[in-house]
PDB file of N, CA and C in Angstrom:
ATOM      1  N   MET A   1      20.964 112.276 -37.884  1.00  0.00           N
ATOM      2  CA  MET A   1      21.392 112.586 -39.183  1.00  0.00           C
ATOM      3  C   MET A   1      22.332 113.717 -39.040  1.00  0.00           C
ATOM      4  N   GLU A   2      23.125 113.213 -39.785  1.00  0.00           N
ATOM      5  CA  GLU A   2      24.205 114.476 -39.790  1.00  0.00           C
ATOM      6  C   GLU A   2      23.567 115.188 -40.927  1.00  0.00           C
ATOM      7  N   GLN A   3      24.314 116.457 -40.415  1.00  0.00           N
ATOM      8  CA  GLN A   3      24.593 117.596 -41.132  1.00  0.00           C
ATOM      9  C   GLN A   3      25.970 117.577 -42.094  1.00  0.00           C
ATOM     10  N   PRO A   4      25.340 117.943 -43.487  1.00  0.00           N
ATOM     11  CA  PRO A   4      26.441 117.467 -44.070  1.00  0.00           C
ATOM     12  C   PRO A   4      27.380 119.009 -44.475  1.00  0.00           C
ATOM     13  N   LEU A   5      27.148 119.752 -43.936  1.00  0.00           N
ATOM     14  CA  LEU A   5      27.576 121.424 -43.420  1.00  0.00           C
ATOM     15  C   LEU A   5      28.429 121.789 -41.915  1.00  0.00           C
ATOM     16  N   LYS A   6      28.217 120.783 -41.524  1.00  0.00           N
ATOM     17  CA  LYS A   6      28.668 120.714 -40.483  1.00  0.00           C
ATOM     18  C   LYS A   6      30.134 119.610 -40.637  1.00  0.00           C
ATOM     19  N   GLY A   7      31.183 120.275 -40.560  1.00  0.00           N
ATOM     20  CA  GLY A   7      32.200 119.383 -40.944  1.00  0.00           C
ATOM     21  C   GLY A   7      33.239 119.268 -39.867  1.00  0.00           C
ATOM     22  N   LYS A   8      33.428 120.184 -38.999  1.00  0.00           N
ATOM     23  CA  LYS A   8      33.762 120.187 -38.105  1.00  0.00           C
ATOM     24  C   LYS A   8      33.998 119.557 -36.485  1.00  0.00           C
ATOM     25  N   THR A   9      34.555 119.376 -36.015  1.00  0.00           N
ATOM     26  CA  THR A   9      34.004 118.842 -34.830  1.00  0.00           C
ATOM     27  C   THR A   9      35.160 119.213 -33.463  1.00  0.00           C
ATOM     28  N   GLY A  10      34.544 118.756 -32.510  1.00  0.00           N
ATOM     29  CA  GLY A  10      36.003 118.722 -31.080  1.00  0.00           C
ATOM     30  C   GLY A  10      36.165 120.403 -31.086  1.00  0.00           C
ATOM     31  N   LEU A  11      37.486 120.178 -30.946  1.00  0.00           N
ATOM     32  CA  LEU A  11      38.498 122.233 -30.494  1.00  0.00           C
ATOM     33  C   LEU A  11      38.450 122.342 -31.377  1.00  0.00           C
ATOM     34  N   ARG A  12      38.542 122.120 -32.804  1.00  0.00           N
ATOM     35  CA  ARG A  12      38.268 122.912 -34.368  1.00  0.00           C
ATOM     36  C   ARG A  12      37.138 123.672 -34.249  1.00  0.00           C
ATOM     37  N   ARG A  13      35.696 123.281 -34.416  1.00  0.00           N
ATOM     38  CA  ARG A  13      34.687 123.837 -34.254  1.00  0.00           C
ATOM     39  C   ARG A  13      34.416 124.784 -33.018  1.00  0.00           C
ATOM     40  N   ILE A  14      34.941 124.480 -31.531  1.00  0.00           N
ATOM     41  CA  ILE A  14      35.127 125.558 -30.679  1.00  0.00           C
ATOM     42  C   ILE A  14      35.721 126.930 -31.109  1.00  0.00           C
ATOM     43  N   LEU A  15      37.016 126.223 -31.912  1.00  0.00           N
ATOM     44  CA  LEU A  15      38.003 127.968 -32.069  1.00  0.00           C
ATOM     45  C   LEU A  15      36.818 128.314 -33.510  1.00  0.00           C
ATOM     46  N   ASN A  16      36.197 127.656 -34.577  1.00  0.00           N
ATOM     47  CA  ASN A  16      36.017 128.167 -35.978  1.00  0.00           C
ATOM     48  C   ASN A  16      34.607 129.037 -34.997  1.00  0.00           C
ATOM     49  N   ALA A  17      33.970 127.937 -33.818  1.00  0.00           N
ATOM     50  CA  ALA A  17      32.653 129.084 -33.500  1.00  0.00           C
ATOM     51  C   ALA A  17      32.885 130.513 -32.732  1.00  0.00           C
ATOM     52  N   THR A  18      34.130 130.435 -32.150  1.00  0.00           N
ATOM     53  CA  THR A  18      34.556 132.008 -31.580  1.00  0.00           C
ATOM     54  C   THR A  18      34.789 132.725 -32.241  1.00  0.00           C
ATOM     55  N   ARG A  19      35.516 132.227 -33.324  1.00  0.00           N
ATOM     56  CA  ARG A  19      36.082 133.015 -34.695  1.00  0.00           C
ATOM     57  C   ARG A  19      34.438 134.387 -34.998  1.00  0.00           C
ATOM     58  N   TYR A  20      33.919 132.986 -35.249  1.00  0.00           N
ATOM     59  CA  TYR A  20      32.602 133.434 -36.018  1.00  0.00           C
ATOM     60  C   TYR A  20      32.368 134.796 -35.156  1.00  0.00           C
ATOM     61  N   SER A  21      32.149 133.930 -33.725  1.00  0.00           N
ATOM     62  CA  SER A  21      31.305 134.914 -32.971  1.00  0.00           C
ATOM     63  C   SER A  21      32.239 136.823 -32.949  1.00  0.00           C
ATOM     64  N   PHE A  22      32.787 136.511 -32.668  1.00  0.00           N
ATOM     65  CA  PHE A  22      33.999 137.760 -33.070  1.00  0.00           C
ATOM     66  C   PHE A  22      33.822 138.424 -34.562  1.00  0.00           C
ATOM     67  N   GLU A  23      33.670 137.790 -35.260  1.00  0.00           N
ATOM     68  CA  GLU A  23      33.049 138.354 -36.878  1.00  0.00           C
ATOM     69  C   GLU A  23      32.466 139.010 -37.027  1.00  0.00           C
ATOM     70  N   GLY A  24      31.226 138.741 -35.956  1.00  0.00           N
ATOM     71  CA  GLY A  24      29.887 138.712 -35.920  1.00  0.00           C
ATOM     72  C   GLY A  24      29.944 140.226 -34.763  1.00  0.00           C
ATOM     73  N   LEU A  25      30.282 140.496 -34.076  1.00  0.00           N
ATOM     74  CA  LEU A  25      30.278 141.697 -32.717  1.00  0.00           C
ATOM     75  C   LEU A  25      31.251 142.560 -33.990  1.00  0.00           C
ATOM     76  N   GLY A  26      31.998 142.189 -34.666  1.00  0.00           N
ATOM     77  CA  GLY A  26      32.763 143.315 -35.603  1.00  0.00           C
ATOM     78  C   GLY A  26      31.926 143.771 -36.323  1.00  0.00           C
ATOM     79  N   ALA A  27      31.170 142.969 -37.313  1.00  0.00           N
ATOM     80  CA  ALA A  27      30.262 143.303 -38.179  1.00  0.00           C
ATOM     81  C   ALA A  27      29.024 143.874 -37.639  1.00  0.00           C
ATOM     82  N   ALA A  28      28.597 143.739 -36.376  1.00  0.00           N
ATOM     83  CA  ALA A  28      27.932 144.704 -35.494  1.00  0.00           C
ATOM     84  C   ALA A  28      28.220 146.120 -35.690  1.00  0.00           C
ATOM     85  N   TRP A  29      29.011 146.126 -35.228  1.00  0.00           N
ATOM     86  CA  TRP A  29      29.825 147.579 -34.746  1.00  0.00           C
ATOM     87  C   TRP A  29      29.973 147.909 -35.906  1.00  0.00           C
ATOM     88  N   ARG A  30      30.702 147.406 -37.271  1.00  0.00           N
ATOM     89  CA  ARG A  30      30.912 148.022 -38.356  1.00  0.00           C
ATOM     90  C   ARG A  30      29.577 148.762 -38.630  1.00  0.00           C
ATOM     91  N   HIS A  31      28.436 147.673 -39.090  1.00  0.00           N
ATOM     92  CA  HIS A  31      27.634 148.185 -39.814  1.00  0.00           C
ATOM     93  C   HIS A  31      26.200 148.823 -38.907  1.00  0.00           C
ATOM     94  N   GLU A  32      26.182 148.393 -37.889  1.00  0.00           N
ATOM     95  CA  GLU A  32      25.268 149.290 -36.977  1.00  0.00           C
ATOM     96  C   GLU A  32      24.936 149.716 -36.375  1.00  0.00           C
ATOM     97  N   ALA A  33      24.143 151.451 -36.578  1.00  0.00           N
ATOM     98  CA  ALA A  33      24.672 152.141 -35.280  1.00  0.00           C
ATOM     99  C   ALA A  33      24.025 151.925 -33.831  1.00  0.00           C
ATOM    100  N   ALA A  34      22.665 150.945 -34.261  1.00  0.00           N
ATOM    101  CA  ALA A  34      22.010 151.079 -32.741  1.00  0.00           C
ATOM    102  C   ALA A  34      23.076 150.281 -31.937  1.00  0.00           C
ATOM    103  N   PHE A  35      23.376 148.869 -32.653  1.00  0.00           N
ATOM    104  CA  PHE A  35      24.372 148.496 -31.771  1.00  0.00           C
ATOM    105  C   PHE A  35      25.264 149.216 -31.061  1.00  0.00           C
ATOM    106  N   ARG A  36      25.913 149.979 -31.970  1.00  0.00           N
ATOM    107  CA  ARG A  36      26.967 151.141 -31.157  1.00  0.00           C
ATOM    108  C   ARG A  36      26.420 151.450 -29.953  1.00  0.00           C
ATOM    109  N   GLN A  37      25.404 152.333 -30.157  1.00  0.00           N
ATOM    110  CA  GLN A  37      24.547 153.005 -29.527  1.00  0.00           C
ATOM    111  C   GLN A  37      24.069 152.680 -27.859  1.00  0.00           C
ATOM    112  N   VAL A  38      23.703 151.139 -28.060  1.00  0.00           N
ATOM    113  CA  VAL A  38      23.668 150.055 -27.368  1.00  0.00           C
ATOM    114  C   VAL A  38      24.483 149.984 -26.723  1.00  0.00           C
ATOM    115  N   SER A  39      25.771 149.194 -27.111  1.00  0.00           N
ATOM    116  CA  SER A  39      26.933 149.114 -26.511  1.00  0.00           C
ATOM    117  C   SER A  39      27.490 150.502 -25.692  1.00  0.00           C
ATOM    118  N   VAL A  40      27.549 151.981 -26.374  1.00  0.00           N
ATOM    119  CA  VAL A  40      27.774 152.940 -25.438  1.00  0.00           C
ATOM    120  C   VAL A  40      27.228 153.180 -24.068  1.00  0.00           C
ATOM    121  N   LEU A  41      25.901 152.651 -24.355  1.00  0.00           N
ATOM    122  CA  LEU A  41      24.948 152.923 -23.125  1.00  0.00           C
ATOM    123  C   LEU A  41      25.284 151.688 -22.393  1.00  0.00           C
ATOM    124  N   ALA A  42      25.610 150.405 -22.313  1.00  0.00           N
ATOM    125  CA  ALA A  42      26.061 149.340 -21.872  1.00  0.00           C
ATOM    126  C   ALA A  42      27.425 149.740 -21.303  1.00  0.00           C
ATOM    127  N   LEU A  43      28.371 150.361 -21.577  1.00  0.00           N
ATOM    128  CA  LEU A  43      29.594 150.666 -21.051  1.00  0.00           C
ATOM    129  C   LEU A  43      29.382 151.776 -20.033  1.00  0.00           C
ATOM    130  N   VAL A  44      28.404 152.681 -20.527  1.00  0.00           N
ATOM    131  CA  VAL A  44      28.406 153.757 -19.612  1.00  0.00           C
ATOM    132  C   VAL A  44      27.584 153.068 -18.220  1.00  0.00           C
ATOM    133  N   GLY A  45      26.394 152.817 -18.591  1.00  0.00           N
ATOM    134  CA  GLY A  45      25.386 151.275 -17.386  1.00  0.00           C
ATOM    135  C   GLY A  45      26.534 151.206 -16.144  1.00  0.00           C
ATOM    136  N   ILE A  46      27.357 150.149 -17.097  1.00  0.00           N
ATOM    137  CA  ILE A  46      27.664 149.170 -16.449  1.00  0.00           C
ATOM    138  C   ILE A  46      28.673 149.650 -15.415  1.00  0.00           C
ATOM    139  N   ALA A  47      29.121 150.400 -15.748  1.00  0.00           N
ATOM    140  CA  ALA A  47      30.386 151.483 -15.475  1.00  0.00           C
ATOM    141  C   ALA A  47      29.883 152.646 -13.800  1.00  0.00           C
ATOM    142  N   LEU A  48      28.307 152.716 -14.783  1.00  0.00           N
ATOM    143  CA  LEU A  48      27.916 153.350 -13.354  1.00  0.00           C
ATOM    144  C   LEU A  48      27.339 152.761 -12.186  1.00  0.00           C
ATOM    145  N   ALA A  49      26.877 151.747 -12.375  1.00  0.00           N
ATOM    146  CA  ALA A  49      26.850 150.522 -11.791  1.00  0.00           C
ATOM    147  C   ALA A  49      27.409 150.071 -10.664  1.00  0.00           C
ATOM    148  N   TRP A  50      28.768 149.950 -11.019  1.00  0.00           N
ATOM    149  CA  TRP A  50      29.705 149.872  -9.752  1.00  0.00           C
ATOM    150  C   TRP A  50      30.083 151.255  -9.168  1.00  0.00           C
ATOM    151  N   TRP A  51      29.635 151.797  -9.716  1.00  0.00           N
ATOM    152  CA  TRP A  51      30.450 153.494  -9.051  1.00  0.00           C
ATOM    153  C   TRP A  51      29.572 153.605  -8.430  1.00  0.00           C
ATOM    154  N   LEU A  52      28.060 153.840  -8.531  1.00  0.00           N
ATOM    155  CA  LEU A  52      27.570 154.290  -7.599  1.00  0.00           C
ATOM    156  C   LEU A  52      27.202 153.302  -6.232  1.00  0.00           C
ATOM    157  N   PRO A  53      26.640 153.746  -5.375  1.00  0.00           N
ATOM    158  CA  PRO A  53      26.314 152.983  -4.361  1.00  0.00           C
ATOM    159  C   PRO A  53      25.336 151.894  -4.442  1.00  0.00           C
ATOM    160  N   LEU A  54      25.546 151.115  -5.110  1.00  0.00           N
ATOM    161  CA  LEU A  54      24.157 149.955  -5.189  1.00  0.00           C
ATOM    162  C   LEU A  54      24.303 148.640  -4.563  1.00  0.00           C
ATOM    163  N   PRO A  55      22.974 148.063  -4.220  1.00  0.00           N
ATOM    164  CA  PRO A  55      24.077 146.728  -3.140  1.00  0.00           C
ATOM    165  C   PRO A  55      24.392 145.797  -4.676  1.00  0.00           C
ATOM    166  N   LEU A  56      24.559 144.789  -4.445  1.00  0.00           N
ATOM    167  CA  LEU A  56      25.214 143.827  -4.716  1.00  0.00           C
ATOM    168  C   LEU A  56      24.588 143.098  -5.906  1.00  0.00           C
ATOM    169  N   TRP A  57      23.216 143.084  -5.720  1.00  0.00           N
ATOM    170  CA  TRP A  57      21.923 142.360  -6.406  1.00  0.00           C
ATOM    171  C   TRP A  57      21.804 143.307  -7.412  1.00  0.00           C
ATOM    172  N   GLY A  58      21.781 144.677  -7.278  1.00  0.00           N
ATOM    173  CA  GLY A  58      21.118 145.415  -8.396  1.00  0.00           C
ATOM    174  C   GLY A  58      22.388 145.288  -9.465  1.00  0.00           C
ATOM    175  N   ARG A  59      23.661 145.669  -8.839  1.00  0.00           N
ATOM    176  CA  ARG A  59      24.111 145.881  -9.671  1.00  0.00           C
ATOM    177  C   ARG A  59      24.500 143.655 -11.178  1.00  0.00           C
ATOM    178  N   GLY A  60      23.984 143.314 -10.300  1.00  0.00           N
ATOM    179  CA  GLY A  60      23.993 142.030 -11.312  1.00  0.00           C
ATOM    180  C   GLY A  60      23.119 142.120 -12.499  1.00  0.00           C
ATOM    181  N   LEU A  61      21.665 142.455 -11.510  1.00  0.00           N
ATOM    182  CA  LEU A  61      20.600 142.555 -12.036  1.00  0.00           C
ATOM    183  C   LEU A  61      20.680 143.922 -13.474  1.00  0.00           C
ATOM    184  N   LEU A  62      21.526 144.697 -12.954  1.00  0.00           N
ATOM    185  CA  LEU A  62      21.785 146.023 -14.371  1.00  0.00           C
ATOM    186  C   LEU A  62      23.196 145.372 -15.044  1.00  0.00           C
ATOM    187  N   MET A  63      23.623 144.365 -15.082  1.00  0.00           N
ATOM    188  CA  MET A  63      24.886 144.124 -15.315  1.00  0.00           C
ATOM    189  C   MET A  63      24.118 143.541 -16.758  1.00  0.00           C
ATOM    190  N   LEU A  64      22.905 142.704 -16.552  1.00  0.00           N
ATOM    191  CA  LEU A  64      22.617 141.752 -16.912  1.00  0.00           C
ATOM    192  C   LEU A  64      21.410 142.404 -17.510  1.00  0.00           C
ATOM    193  N   ALA A  65      20.564 142.781 -17.870  1.00  0.00           N
ATOM    194  CA  ALA A  65      20.207 143.592 -18.382  1.00  0.00           C
ATOM    195  C   ALA A  65      20.472 144.623 -19.378  1.00  0.00           C
ATOM    196  N   HIS A  66      21.787 145.308 -19.365  1.00  0.00           N
ATOM    197  CA  HIS A  66      22.312 145.751 -19.974  1.00  0.00           C
ATOM    198  C   HIS A  66      22.997 144.685 -21.144  1.00  0.00           C
ATOM    199  N   LEU A  67      23.229 143.715 -20.571  1.00  0.00           N
ATOM    200  CA  LEU A  67      24.109 143.080 -21.910  1.00  0.00           C
ATOM    201  C   LEU A  67      23.080 142.095 -22.423  1.00  0.00           C
ATOM    202  N   LEU A  68      21.724 142.235 -22.185  1.00  0.00           N
ATOM    203  CA  LEU A  68      20.212 141.204 -22.818  1.00  0.00           C
ATOM    204  C   LEU A  68      19.796 142.563 -24.120  1.00  0.00           C
ATOM    205  N   THR A  69      20.430 143.564 -23.443  1.00  0.00           N
ATOM    206  CA  THR A  69      20.285 144.689 -24.556  1.00  0.00           C
ATOM    207  C   THR A  69      20.869 144.063 -25.983  1.00  0.00           C
ATOM    208  N   LEU A  70      21.896 144.735 -25.683  1.00  0.00           N
ATOM    209  CA  LEU A  70      22.994 143.989 -26.787  1.00  0.00           C
ATOM    210  C   LEU A  70      22.990 142.091 -27.457  1.00  0.00           C
ATOM    211  N   VAL A  71      22.348 141.894 -26.658  1.00  0.00           N
ATOM    212  CA  VAL A  71      21.817 140.382 -27.220  1.00  0.00           C
ATOM    213  C   VAL A  71      20.489 140.557 -28.714  1.00  0.00           C
ATOM    214  N   ILE A  72      19.631 141.066 -27.661  1.00  0.00           N
ATOM    215  CA  ILE A  72      18.367 141.469 -28.324  1.00  0.00           C
ATOM    216  C   ILE A  72      18.620 142.175 -29.527  1.00  0.00           C
ATOM    217  N   GLU A  73      19.833 143.515 -29.782  1.00  0.00           N
ATOM    218  CA  GLU A  73      20.100 144.342 -31.029  1.00  0.00           C
ATOM    219  C   GLU A  73      21.187 143.395 -31.851  1.00  0.00           C
ATOM    220  N   LEU A  74      21.631 142.286 -31.398  1.00  0.00           N
ATOM    221  CA  LEU A  74      22.301 141.665 -32.828  1.00  0.00           C
ATOM    222  C   LEU A  74      21.577 140.607 -33.069  1.00  0.00           C
ATOM    223  N   PHE A  75      19.909 140.045 -32.367  1.00  0.00           N
ATOM    224  CA  PHE A  75      19.104 139.723 -33.129  1.00  0.00           C
ATOM    225  C   PHE A  75      17.935 140.593 -33.834  1.00  0.00           C
ATOM    226  N   ASN A  76      18.026 141.539 -33.466  1.00  0.00           N
ATOM    227  CA  ASN A  76      17.381 142.328 -34.211  1.00  0.00           C
ATOM    228  C   ASN A  76      18.219 143.037 -35.509  1.00  0.00           C
ATOM    229  N   SER A  77      19.340 142.850 -35.669  1.00  0.00           N
ATOM    230  CA  SER A  77      20.397 143.495 -36.798  1.00  0.00           C
ATOM    231  C   SER A  77      20.126 142.201 -37.989  1.00  0.00           C
ATOM    232  N   ALA A  78      20.666 141.380 -37.061  1.00  0.00           N
ATOM    233  CA  ALA A  78      19.934 139.706 -37.800  1.00  0.00           C
ATOM    234  C   ALA A  78      19.149 139.851 -38.469  1.00  0.00           C
ATOM    235  N   ILE A  79      18.302 139.517 -38.199  1.00  0.00           N
ATOM    236  CA  ILE A  79      16.466 139.789 -38.699  1.00  0.00           C
ATOM    237  C   ILE A  79      16.540 140.762 -39.103  1.00  0.00           C
ATOM    238  N   GLU A  80      16.709 142.255 -39.851  1.00  0.00           N
ATOM    239  CA  GLU A  80      17.023 143.266 -40.644  1.00  0.00           C
ATOM    240  C   GLU A  80      17.697 143.016 -41.804  1.00  0.00           C
ATOM    241  N   ALA A  81      19.293 142.156 -41.407  1.00  0.00           N
ATOM    242  CA  ALA A  81      19.954 141.679 -42.646  1.00  0.00           C
ATOM    243  C   ALA A  81      19.269 140.480 -43.445  1.00  0.00           C
ATOM    244  N   ALA A  82      18.753 139.363 -43.105  1.00  0.00           N
ATOM    245  CA  ALA A  82      18.036 138.618 -43.598  1.00  0.00           C
ATOM    246  C   ALA A  82      17.328 139.013 -44.299  1.00  0.00           C
ATOM    247  N   VAL A  83      16.045 139.523 -43.819  1.00  0.00           N
ATOM    248  CA  VAL A  83      14.895 140.252 -44.219  1.00  0.00           C
ATOM    249  C   VAL A  83      15.646 140.803 -45.831  1.00  0.00           C
ATOM    250  N   ASP A  84      16.195 142.125 -45.609  1.00  0.00           N
ATOM    251  CA  ASP A  84      17.213 143.012 -46.623  1.00  0.00           C
ATOM    252  C   ASP A  84      17.617 141.807 -47.775  1.00  0.00           C
ATOM    253  N   HIS A  85      18.263 140.317 -47.119  1.00  0.00           N
ATOM    254  CA  HIS A  85      19.122 139.848 -48.637  1.00  0.00           C
ATOM    255  C   HIS A  85      17.766 139.163 -48.857  1.00  0.00           C
ATOM    256  N   THR A  86      16.978 138.769 -48.597  1.00  0.00           N
ATOM    257  CA  THR A  86      15.707 137.923 -48.897  1.00  0.00           C
ATOM    258  C   THR A  86      15.161 138.718 -50.550  1.00  0.00           C
ATOM    259  N   SER A  87      15.010 139.921 -49.888  1.00  0.00           N
ATOM    260  CA  SER A  87      14.213 141.006 -50.788  1.00  0.00           C
ATOM    261  C   SER A  87      14.447 142.304 -50.279  1.00  0.00           C
ATOM    262  N   LEU A  88      14.570 143.271 -51.058  1.00  0.00           N
ATOM    263  CA  LEU A  88      14.577 144.934 -50.520  1.00  0.00           C
ATOM    264  C   LEU A  88      13.411 145.648 -51.165  1.00  0.00           C
ATOM    265  N   GLU A  89      12.175 144.649 -51.819  1.00  0.00           N
ATOM    266  CA  GLU A  89      10.565 144.903 -52.075  1.00  0.00           C
ATOM    267  C   GLU A  89      10.321 145.522 -50.666  1.00  0.00           C
ATOM    268  N   ARG A  90       9.294 145.710 -49.946  1.00  0.00           N
ATOM    269  CA  ARG A  90       8.662 146.465 -49.178  1.00  0.00           C
ATOM    270  C   ARG A  90       7.399 145.290 -49.398  1.00  0.00           C
ATOM    271  N   HIS A  91       7.350 144.840 -48.285  1.00  0.00           N
ATOM    272  CA  HIS A  91       6.500 143.453 -48.048  1.00  0.00           C
ATOM    273  C   HIS A  91       5.570 143.540 -46.442  1.00  0.00           C
ATOM    274  N   PRO A  92       4.482 143.343 -46.300  1.00  0.00           N
ATOM    275  CA  PRO A  92       4.121 143.434 -45.438  1.00  0.00           C
ATOM    276  C   PRO A  92       4.953 142.380 -43.870  1.00  0.00           C
ATOM    277  N   LEU A  93       5.049 141.212 -44.405  1.00  0.00           N
ATOM    278  CA  LEU A  93       5.638 139.968 -43.486  1.00  0.00           C
ATOM    279  C   LEU A  93       6.888 140.758 -43.342  1.00  0.00           C
ATOM    280  N   ALA A  94       8.112 141.218 -44.146  1.00  0.00           N
ATOM    281  CA  ALA A  94       9.372 141.667 -43.962  1.00  0.00           C
ATOM    282  C   ALA A  94       9.274 142.981 -43.239  1.00  0.00           C
ATOM    283  N   LYS A  95       8.372 143.836 -42.907  1.00  0.00           N
ATOM    284  CA  LYS A  95       8.002 145.281 -42.366  1.00  0.00           C
ATOM    285  C   LYS A  95       7.226 144.343 -40.615  1.00  0.00           C
ATOM    286  N   ARG A  96       6.746 143.045 -40.993  1.00  0.00           N
ATOM    287  CA  ARG A  96       6.101 142.707 -39.800  1.00  0.00           C
ATOM    288  C   ARG A  96       7.434 142.399 -38.859  1.00  0.00           C
ATOM    289  N   ALA A  97       8.191 141.436 -39.571  1.00  0.00           N
ATOM    290  CA  ALA A  97       9.287 141.243 -39.268  1.00  0.00           C
ATOM    291  C   ALA A  97      10.351 142.078 -38.198  1.00  0.00           C
ATOM    292  N   LYS A  98      10.415 143.027 -39.276  1.00  0.00           N
ATOM    293  CA  LYS A  98      11.556 143.883 -38.648  1.00  0.00           C
ATOM    294  C   LYS A  98      10.866 144.869 -37.457  1.00  0.00           C
ATOM    295  N   ASP A  99       9.420 145.197 -37.715  1.00  0.00           N
ATOM    296  CA  ASP A  99       9.318 145.773 -36.622  1.00  0.00           C
ATOM    297  C   ASP A  99       8.398 144.807 -34.938  1.00  0.00           C
ATOM    298  N   LEU A 100       8.738 143.834 -35.478  1.00  0.00           N
ATOM    299  CA  LEU A 100       8.824 142.700 -34.187  1.00  0.00           C
ATOM    300  C   LEU A 100      10.020 142.941 -33.944  1.00  0.00           C
ATOM    301  N   GLY A 101      11.261 142.815 -34.506  1.00  0.00           N
ATOM    302  CA  GLY A 101      12.862 142.650 -33.594  1.00  0.00           C
ATOM    303  C   GLY A 101      13.047 144.205 -32.920  1.00  0.00           C
ATOM    304  N   SER A 102      12.271 145.253 -33.591  1.00  0.00           N
ATOM    305  CA  SER A 102      12.397 146.532 -32.750  1.00  0.00           C
ATOM    306  C   SER A 102      11.809 146.367 -31.706  1.00  0.00           C
ATOM    307  N   ALA A 103      10.486 145.925 -31.694  1.00  0.00           N
ATOM    308  CA  ALA A 103       9.643 145.761 -30.108  1.00  0.00           C
ATOM    309  C   ALA A 103      10.348 145.388 -29.078  1.00  0.00           C
ATOM    310  N   ALA A 104      11.020 144.034 -29.808  1.00  0.00           N
ATOM    311  CA  ALA A 104      11.694 143.205 -28.738  1.00  0.00           C
ATOM    312  C   ALA A 104      12.904 144.255 -27.838  1.00  0.00           C
ATOM    313  N   GLN A 105      13.497 144.989 -29.069  1.00  0.00           N
ATOM    314  CA  GLN A 105      14.510 145.896 -28.013  1.00  0.00           C
ATOM    315  C   GLN A 105      14.145 146.952 -27.619  1.00  0.00           C
ATOM    316  N   PHE A 106      12.159 147.764 -27.707  1.00  0.00           N
ATOM    317  CA  PHE A 106      12.049 148.879 -27.213  1.00  0.00           C
ATOM    318  C   PHE A 106      11.538 147.708 -26.128  1.00  0.00           C
ATOM    319  N   VAL A 107      10.887 146.920 -25.747  1.00  0.00           N
ATOM    320  CA  VAL A 107      10.783 145.974 -24.386  1.00  0.00           C
ATOM    321  C   VAL A 107      12.062 145.760 -23.540  1.00  0.00           C
ATOM    322  N   GLY A 108      13.371 145.526 -24.037  1.00  0.00           N
ATOM    323  CA  GLY A 108      14.371 145.209 -23.461  1.00  0.00           C
ATOM    324  C   GLY A 108      14.815 146.843 -22.649  1.00  0.00           C
ATOM    325  N   LEU A 109      14.868 147.454 -23.268  1.00  0.00           N
ATOM    326  CA  LEU A 109      15.321 148.828 -22.926  1.00  0.00           C
ATOM    327  C   LEU A 109      14.594 149.605 -21.819  1.00  0.00           C
ATOM    328  N   VAL A 110      12.813 149.311 -22.224  1.00  0.00           N
ATOM    329  CA  VAL A 110      12.320 149.590 -20.886  1.00  0.00           C
ATOM    330  C   VAL A 110      12.731 148.596 -20.137  1.00  0.00           C
ATOM    331  N   ASN A 111      12.560 147.364 -20.304  1.00  0.00           N
ATOM    332  CA  ASN A 111      12.738 146.641 -19.163  1.00  0.00           C
ATOM    333  C   ASN A 111      14.678 147.071 -17.848  1.00  0.00           C
ATOM    334  N   LEU A 112      15.467 147.531 -19.244  1.00  0.00           N
ATOM    335  CA  LEU A 112      16.573 148.035 -17.991  1.00  0.00           C
ATOM    336  C   LEU A 112      16.350 149.520 -17.627  1.00  0.00           C
ATOM    337  N   ALA A 113      15.506 150.472 -18.126  1.00  0.00           N
ATOM    338  CA  ALA A 113      14.872 151.381 -17.333  1.00  0.00           C
ATOM    339  C   ALA A 113      14.286 151.207 -15.825  1.00  0.00           C
ATOM    340  N   LEU A 114      12.858 150.408 -15.712  1.00  0.00           N
ATOM    341  CA  LEU A 114      12.270 149.861 -14.860  1.00  0.00           C
ATOM    342  C   LEU A 114      13.545 149.079 -14.013  1.00  0.00           C
ATOM    343  N   LEU A 115      14.288 148.568 -13.894  1.00  0.00           N
ATOM    344  CA  LEU A 115      15.130 147.838 -13.099  1.00  0.00           C
ATOM    345  C   LEU A 115      16.440 148.999 -12.941  1.00  0.00           C
ATOM    346  N   TRP A 116      16.891 149.710 -13.690  1.00  0.00           N
ATOM    347  CA  TRP A 116      17.349 150.974 -13.115  1.00  0.00           C
ATOM    348  C   TRP A 116      17.155 151.483 -11.568  1.00  0.00           C
ATOM    349  N   ALA A 117      15.525 152.401 -12.295  1.00  0.00           N
ATOM    350  CA  ALA A 117      14.644 152.536 -11.546  1.00  0.00           C
ATOM    351  C   ALA A 117      14.175 151.351  -9.706  1.00  0.00           C
ATOM    352  N   LEU A 118      14.141 150.799 -10.029  1.00  0.00           N
ATOM    353  CA  LEU A 118      13.572 149.631  -8.886  1.00  0.00           C
ATOM    354  C   LEU A 118      14.774 149.446  -8.233  1.00  0.00           C
ATOM    355  N   VAL A 119      16.180 149.808  -9.035  1.00  0.00           N
ATOM    356  CA  VAL A 119      17.584 149.441  -8.000  1.00  0.00           C
ATOM    357  C   VAL A 119      18.165 150.694  -7.507  1.00  0.00           C
ATOM    358  N   TRP A 120      17.900 151.473  -7.630  1.00  0.00           N
ATOM    359  CA  TRP A 120      18.520 152.814  -7.789  1.00  0.00           C
ATOM    360  C   TRP A 120      17.221 153.996  -5.888  1.00  0.00           C
ATOM    361  N   CYS A 121      15.524 153.143  -6.531  1.00  0.00           N
ATOM    362  CA  CYS A 121      14.807 153.520  -5.627  1.00  0.00           C
ATOM    363  C   CYS A 121      14.867 152.426  -4.428  1.00  0.00           C
ATOM    364  N   SER A 122      15.643 151.212  -4.338  1.00  0.00           N
ATOM    365  CA  SER A 122      15.619 150.347  -2.906  1.00  0.00           C
ATOM    366  C   SER A 122      17.106 150.419  -2.591  1.00  0.00           C
ATOM    367  N   ARG A 123      17.943 151.201  -2.719  1.00  0.00           N
ATOM    368  CA  ARG A 123      18.986 151.227  -2.027  1.00  0.00           C
ATOM    369  C   ARG A 123      18.961 152.255  -1.210  1.00  0.00           C
TER     370      ARG A 123
END
């Protein structure tokens, strides 16, 4: 069954999707302090991974882990925006949704720290 709201196909759809993605990144940068913080952490961490004497596999893992924290933060911010759009009232399910998004980012950051320790100790 066709989706009536998906009117574009082919190259136009790809161009629109790319534009929407950049708009999303811009919105995250403008409106989400946590996204800006994780972005700075990723820039510093990826630069350090290339500057320090680390094995190539370690550099790759660290870059992947830093990018993963950015992806998690984008999902977390999307959850928070959707919940806040639905209602600004306090509700146990809204709190749970936001807490789960936050927990996902916490796990991502713990993973990042453990990978830094693993790569650093294995060199």
